[in-house]
Amino acid sequence: MFDTNVLLNLYGYAKQTREDFFSILQAINEKLWIPYHVGLEYQRRRLNIIRN
């Protein structure tokens, strides 16, 4: 399970780090679970993170 900040921090990582992270997510995708509130908070905050 991921915290919202784990997902939002992806915007600040280097390209290779993001690609590595997504490769890991693909490897564990059947075991991955993101709570509704995390997704909601991510959607609410992501544009501000991208702007900064």
PDB file of N, CA and C in Angstrom:
ATOM      1  N   MET A   1       0.849  -1.176   0.000  1.00  0.00           N
ATOM      2  CA  MET A   1       0.000   0.000   0.000  1.00  0.00           C
ATOM      3  C   MET A   1       0.896   1.241   0.000  1.00  0.00           C
ATOM      4  N   PHE A   2       0.520   2.222  -0.790  1.00  0.00           N
ATOM      5  CA  PHE A   2       1.311   3.432  -0.927  1.00  0.00           C
ATOM      6  C   PHE A   2       0.631   4.622  -0.279  1.00  0.00           C
ATOM      7  N   ASP A   3       1.467   5.510   0.208  1.00  0.00           N
ATOM      8  CA  ASP A   3       1.043   6.803   0.712  1.00  0.00           C
ATOM      9  C   ASP A   3       0.960   7.743  -0.486  1.00  0.00           C
ATOM     10  N   THR A   4       0.148   8.764  -0.389  1.00  0.00           N
ATOM     11  CA  THR A   4       0.013   9.737  -1.476  1.00  0.00           C
ATOM     12  C   THR A   4       1.357  10.359  -1.843  1.00  0.00           C
ATOM     13  N   ASN A   5       2.178  10.625  -0.853  1.00  0.00           N
ATOM     14  CA  ASN A   5       3.467  11.272  -1.117  1.00  0.00           C
ATOM     15  C   ASN A   5       4.397  10.411  -1.957  1.00  0.00           C
ATOM     16  N   VAL A   6       4.306   9.104  -1.830  1.00  0.00           N
ATOM     17  CA  VAL A   6       5.128   8.225  -2.668  1.00  0.00           C
ATOM     18  C   VAL A   6       4.802   8.467  -4.133  1.00  0.00           C
ATOM     19  N   LEU A   7       3.535   8.582  -4.436  1.00  0.00           N
ATOM     20  CA  LEU A   7       3.114   8.821  -5.823  1.00  0.00           C
ATOM     21  C   LEU A   7       3.450  10.228  -6.288  1.00  0.00           C
ATOM     22  N   LEU A   8       3.241  11.206  -5.429  1.00  0.00           N
ATOM     23  CA  LEU A   8       3.519  12.592  -5.810  1.00  0.00           C
ATOM     24  C   LEU A   8       5.014  12.851  -5.969  1.00  0.00           C
ATOM     25  N   ASN A   9       5.836  12.153  -5.217  1.00  0.00           N
ATOM     26  CA  ASN A   9       7.289  12.333  -5.320  1.00  0.00           C
ATOM     27  C   ASN A   9       7.827  11.895  -6.670  1.00  0.00           C
ATOM     28  N   LEU A  10       7.075  11.081  -7.389  1.00  0.00           N
ATOM     29  CA  LEU A  10       7.517  10.634  -8.714  1.00  0.00           C
ATOM     30  C   LEU A  10       7.784  11.806  -9.647  1.00  0.00           C
ATOM     31  N   TYR A  11       7.063  12.896  -9.461  1.00  0.00           N
ATOM     32  CA  TYR A  11       7.249  14.061 -10.332  1.00  0.00           C
ATOM     33  C   TYR A  11       8.609  14.716 -10.144  1.00  0.00           C
ATOM     34  N   GLY A  12       9.251  14.481  -9.019  1.00  0.00           N
ATOM     35  CA  GLY A  12      10.551  15.088  -8.764  1.00  0.00           C
ATOM     36  C   GLY A  12      11.722  14.174  -9.042  1.00  0.00           C
ATOM     37  N   TYR A  13      11.470  12.915  -9.378  1.00  0.00           N
ATOM     38  CA  TYR A  13      12.548  11.957  -9.610  1.00  0.00           C
ATOM     39  C   TYR A  13      13.125  12.113 -11.013  1.00  0.00           C
ATOM     40  N   ALA A  14      14.351  11.670 -11.155  1.00  0.00           N
ATOM     41  CA  ALA A  14      14.973  11.620 -12.476  1.00  0.00           C
ATOM     42  C   ALA A  14      14.250  10.595 -13.338  1.00  0.00           C
ATOM     43  N   LYS A  15      14.366  10.732 -14.638  1.00  0.00           N
ATOM     44  CA  LYS A  15      13.658   9.856 -15.569  1.00  0.00           C
ATOM     45  C   LYS A  15      13.971   8.379 -15.307  1.00  0.00           C
ATOM     46  N   GLN A  16      15.231   8.049 -15.128  1.00  0.00           N
ATOM     47  CA  GLN A  16      15.607   6.647 -14.905  1.00  0.00           C
ATOM     48  C   GLN A  16      15.027   6.120 -13.598  1.00  0.00           C
ATOM     49  N   THR A  17      14.991   6.932 -12.576  1.00  0.00           N
ATOM     50  CA  THR A  17      14.418   6.526 -11.297  1.00  0.00           C
ATOM     51  C   THR A  17      12.934   6.231 -11.448  1.00  0.00           C
ATOM     52  N   ARG A  18      12.220   7.089 -12.176  1.00  0.00           N
ATOM     53  CA  ARG A  18      10.793   6.850 -12.439  1.00  0.00           C
ATOM     54  C   ARG A  18      10.582   5.548 -13.195  1.00  0.00           C
ATOM     55  N   GLU A  19      11.394   5.324 -14.223  1.00  0.00           N
ATOM     56  CA  GLU A  19      11.267   4.100 -15.004  1.00  0.00           C
ATOM     57  C   GLU A  19      11.527   2.868 -14.142  1.00  0.00           C
ATOM     58  N   ASP A  20      12.529   2.935 -13.282  1.00  0.00           N
ATOM     59  CA  ASP A  20      12.820   1.820 -12.373  1.00  0.00           C
ATOM     60  C   ASP A  20      11.648   1.577 -11.422  1.00  0.00           C
ATOM     61  N   PHE A  21      11.089   2.651 -10.904  1.00  0.00           N
ATOM     62  CA  PHE A  21       9.961   2.540  -9.981  1.00  0.00           C
ATOM     63  C   PHE A  21       8.766   1.881 -10.671  1.00  0.00           C
ATOM     64  N   PHE A  22       8.470   2.306 -11.907  1.00  0.00           N
ATOM     65  CA  PHE A  22       7.349   1.722 -12.639  1.00  0.00           C
ATOM     66  C   PHE A  22       7.607   0.258 -12.984  1.00  0.00           C
ATOM     67  N   SER A  23       8.856  -0.098 -13.224  1.00  0.00           N
ATOM     68  CA  SER A  23       9.181  -1.510 -13.461  1.00  0.00           C
ATOM     69  C   SER A  23       8.885  -2.350 -12.233  1.00  0.00           C
ATOM     70  N   ILE A  24       9.201  -1.818 -11.077  1.00  0.00           N
ATOM     71  CA  ILE A  24       8.902  -2.517  -9.824  1.00  0.00           C
ATOM     72  C   ILE A  24       7.395  -2.644  -9.644  1.00  0.00           C
ATOM     73  N   LEU A  25       6.667  -1.574  -9.926  1.00  0.00           N
ATOM     74  CA  LEU A  25       5.208  -1.629  -9.808  1.00  0.00           C
ATOM     75  C   LEU A  25       4.608  -2.683 -10.734  1.00  0.00           C
ATOM     76  N   GLN A  26       5.150  -2.788 -11.930  1.00  0.00           N
ATOM     77  CA  GLN A  26       4.643  -3.803 -12.853  1.00  0.00           C
ATOM     78  C   GLN A  26       4.919  -5.209 -12.333  1.00  0.00           C
ATOM     79  N   ALA A  27       6.041  -5.391 -11.662  1.00  0.00           N
ATOM     80  CA  ALA A  27       6.390  -6.707 -11.127  1.00  0.00           C
ATOM     81  C   ALA A  27       5.466  -7.124  -9.987  1.00  0.00           C
ATOM     82  N   ILE A  28       4.934  -6.151  -9.250  1.00  0.00           N
ATOM     83  CA  ILE A  28       4.080  -6.475  -8.094  1.00  0.00           C
ATOM     84  C   ILE A  28       2.629  -6.072  -8.312  1.00  0.00           C
ATOM     85  N   ASN A  29       2.233  -5.835  -9.555  1.00  0.00           N
ATOM     86  CA  ASN A  29       0.921  -5.249  -9.824  1.00  0.00           C
ATOM     87  C   ASN A  29      -0.245  -6.062  -9.277  1.00  0.00           C
ATOM     88  N   GLU A  30      -0.118  -7.362  -9.186  1.00  0.00           N
ATOM     89  CA  GLU A  30      -1.228  -8.162  -8.652  1.00  0.00           C
ATOM     90  C   GLU A  30      -1.349  -8.053  -7.135  1.00  0.00           C
ATOM     91  N   LYS A  31      -0.307  -7.584  -6.497  1.00  0.00           N
ATOM     92  CA  LYS A  31      -0.311  -7.428  -5.038  1.00  0.00           C
ATOM     93  C   LYS A  31      -0.484  -5.969  -4.625  1.00  0.00           C
ATOM     94  N   LEU A  32      -0.547  -5.089  -5.588  1.00  0.00           N
ATOM     95  CA  LEU A  32      -0.606  -3.652  -5.324  1.00  0.00           C
ATOM     96  C   LEU A  32      -2.036  -3.215  -5.046  1.00  0.00           C
ATOM     97  N   TRP A  33      -2.182  -2.419  -4.016  1.00  0.00           N
ATOM     98  CA  TRP A  33      -3.489  -1.894  -3.652  1.00  0.00           C
ATOM     99  C   TRP A  33      -3.317  -0.446  -3.227  1.00  0.00           C
ATOM    100  N   ILE A  34      -4.103   0.432  -3.822  1.00  0.00           N
ATOM    101  CA  ILE A  34      -4.060   1.849  -3.463  1.00  0.00           C
ATOM    102  C   ILE A  34      -5.432   2.229  -2.933  1.00  0.00           C
ATOM    103  N   PRO A  35      -5.501   2.667  -1.686  1.00  0.00           N
ATOM    104  CA  PRO A  35      -6.792   3.060  -1.111  1.00  0.00           C
ATOM    105  C   PRO A  35      -7.429   4.230  -1.868  1.00  0.00           C
ATOM    106  N   TYR A  36      -8.726   4.272  -1.836  1.00  0.00           N
ATOM    107  CA  TYR A  36      -9.484   5.324  -2.513  1.00  0.00           C
ATOM    108  C   TYR A  36      -8.999   6.706  -2.088  1.00  0.00           C
ATOM    109  N   HIS A  37      -8.802   6.906  -0.806  1.00  0.00           N
ATOM    110  CA  HIS A  37      -8.411   8.224  -0.300  1.00  0.00           C
ATOM    111  C   HIS A  37      -7.052   8.652  -0.840  1.00  0.00           C
ATOM    112  N   VAL A  38      -6.139   7.698  -1.015  1.00  0.00           N
ATOM    113  CA  VAL A  38      -4.823   8.020  -1.581  1.00  0.00           C
ATOM    114  C   VAL A  38      -4.988   8.507  -3.016  1.00  0.00           C
ATOM    115  N   GLY A  39      -5.808   7.816  -3.801  1.00  0.00           N
ATOM    116  CA  GLY A  39      -6.057   8.235  -5.179  1.00  0.00           C
ATOM    117  C   GLY A  39      -6.718   9.593  -5.251  1.00  0.00           C
ATOM    118  N   LEU A  40      -7.662   9.830  -4.362  1.00  0.00           N
ATOM    119  CA  LEU A  40      -8.360  11.111  -4.320  1.00  0.00           C
ATOM    120  C   LEU A  40      -7.399  12.244  -3.965  1.00  0.00           C
ATOM    121  N   GLU A  41      -6.602  12.037  -2.936  1.00  0.00           N
ATOM    122  CA  GLU A  41      -5.645  13.065  -2.523  1.00  0.00           C
ATOM    123  C   GLU A  41      -4.601  13.306  -3.613  1.00  0.00           C
ATOM    124  N   TYR A  42      -4.185  12.236  -4.284  1.00  0.00           N
ATOM    125  CA  TYR A  42      -3.244  12.373  -5.395  1.00  0.00           C
ATOM    126  C   TYR A  42      -3.832  13.272  -6.479  1.00  0.00           C
ATOM    127  N   GLN A  43      -5.057  13.016  -6.871  1.00  0.00           N
ATOM    128  CA  GLN A  43      -5.699  13.807  -7.916  1.00  0.00           C
ATOM    129  C   GLN A  43      -5.862  15.266  -7.498  1.00  0.00           C
ATOM    130  N   ARG A  44      -6.137  15.496  -6.248  1.00  0.00           N
ATOM    131  CA  ARG A  44      -6.313  16.873  -5.765  1.00  0.00           C
ATOM    132  C   ARG A  44      -5.011  17.652  -5.732  1.00  0.00           C
ATOM    133  N   ARG A  45      -3.897  16.983  -5.471  1.00  0.00           N
ATOM    134  CA  ARG A  45      -2.626  17.676  -5.255  1.00  0.00           C
ATOM    135  C   ARG A  45      -1.670  17.642  -6.430  1.00  0.00           C
ATOM    136  N   ARG A  46      -1.901  16.783  -7.398  1.00  0.00           N
ATOM    137  CA  ARG A  46      -0.889  16.562  -8.431  1.00  0.00           C
ATOM    138  C   ARG A  46      -0.625  17.772  -9.303  1.00  0.00           C
ATOM    139  N   LEU A  47      -1.631  18.547  -9.647  1.00  0.00           N
ATOM    140  CA  LEU A  47      -1.387  19.710 -10.499  1.00  0.00           C
ATOM    141  C   LEU A  47      -0.529  20.750  -9.805  1.00  0.00           C
ATOM    142  N   ASN A  48      -0.722  20.931  -8.514  1.00  0.00           N
ATOM    143  CA  ASN A  48       0.136  21.864  -7.763  1.00  0.00           C
ATOM    144  C   ASN A  48       1.572  21.382  -7.735  1.00  0.00           C
ATOM    145  N   ILE A  49       1.758  20.074  -7.589  1.00  0.00           N
ATOM    146  CA  ILE A  49       3.104  19.502  -7.569  1.00  0.00           C
ATOM    147  C   ILE A  49       3.763  19.701  -8.933  1.00  0.00           C
ATOM    148  N   ILE A  50       3.026  19.473 -10.000  1.00  0.00           N
ATOM    149  CA  ILE A  50       3.576  19.627 -11.342  1.00  0.00           C
ATOM    150  C   ILE A  50       3.971  21.072 -11.593  1.00  0.00           C
ATOM    151  N   ARG A  51       3.147  22.016 -11.151  1.00  0.00           N
ATOM    152  CA  ARG A  51       3.464  23.441 -11.333  1.00  0.00           C
ATOM    153  C   ARG A  51       4.723  23.850 -10.600  1.00  0.00           C
ATOM    154  N   ASN A  52       4.947  23.259  -9.434  1.00  0.00           N
ATOM    155  CA  ASN A  52       6.121  23.623  -8.645  1.00  0.00           C
ATOM    156  C   ASN A  52       7.337  22.883  -9.162  1.00  0.00           C
TER     157      ASN A  52
END
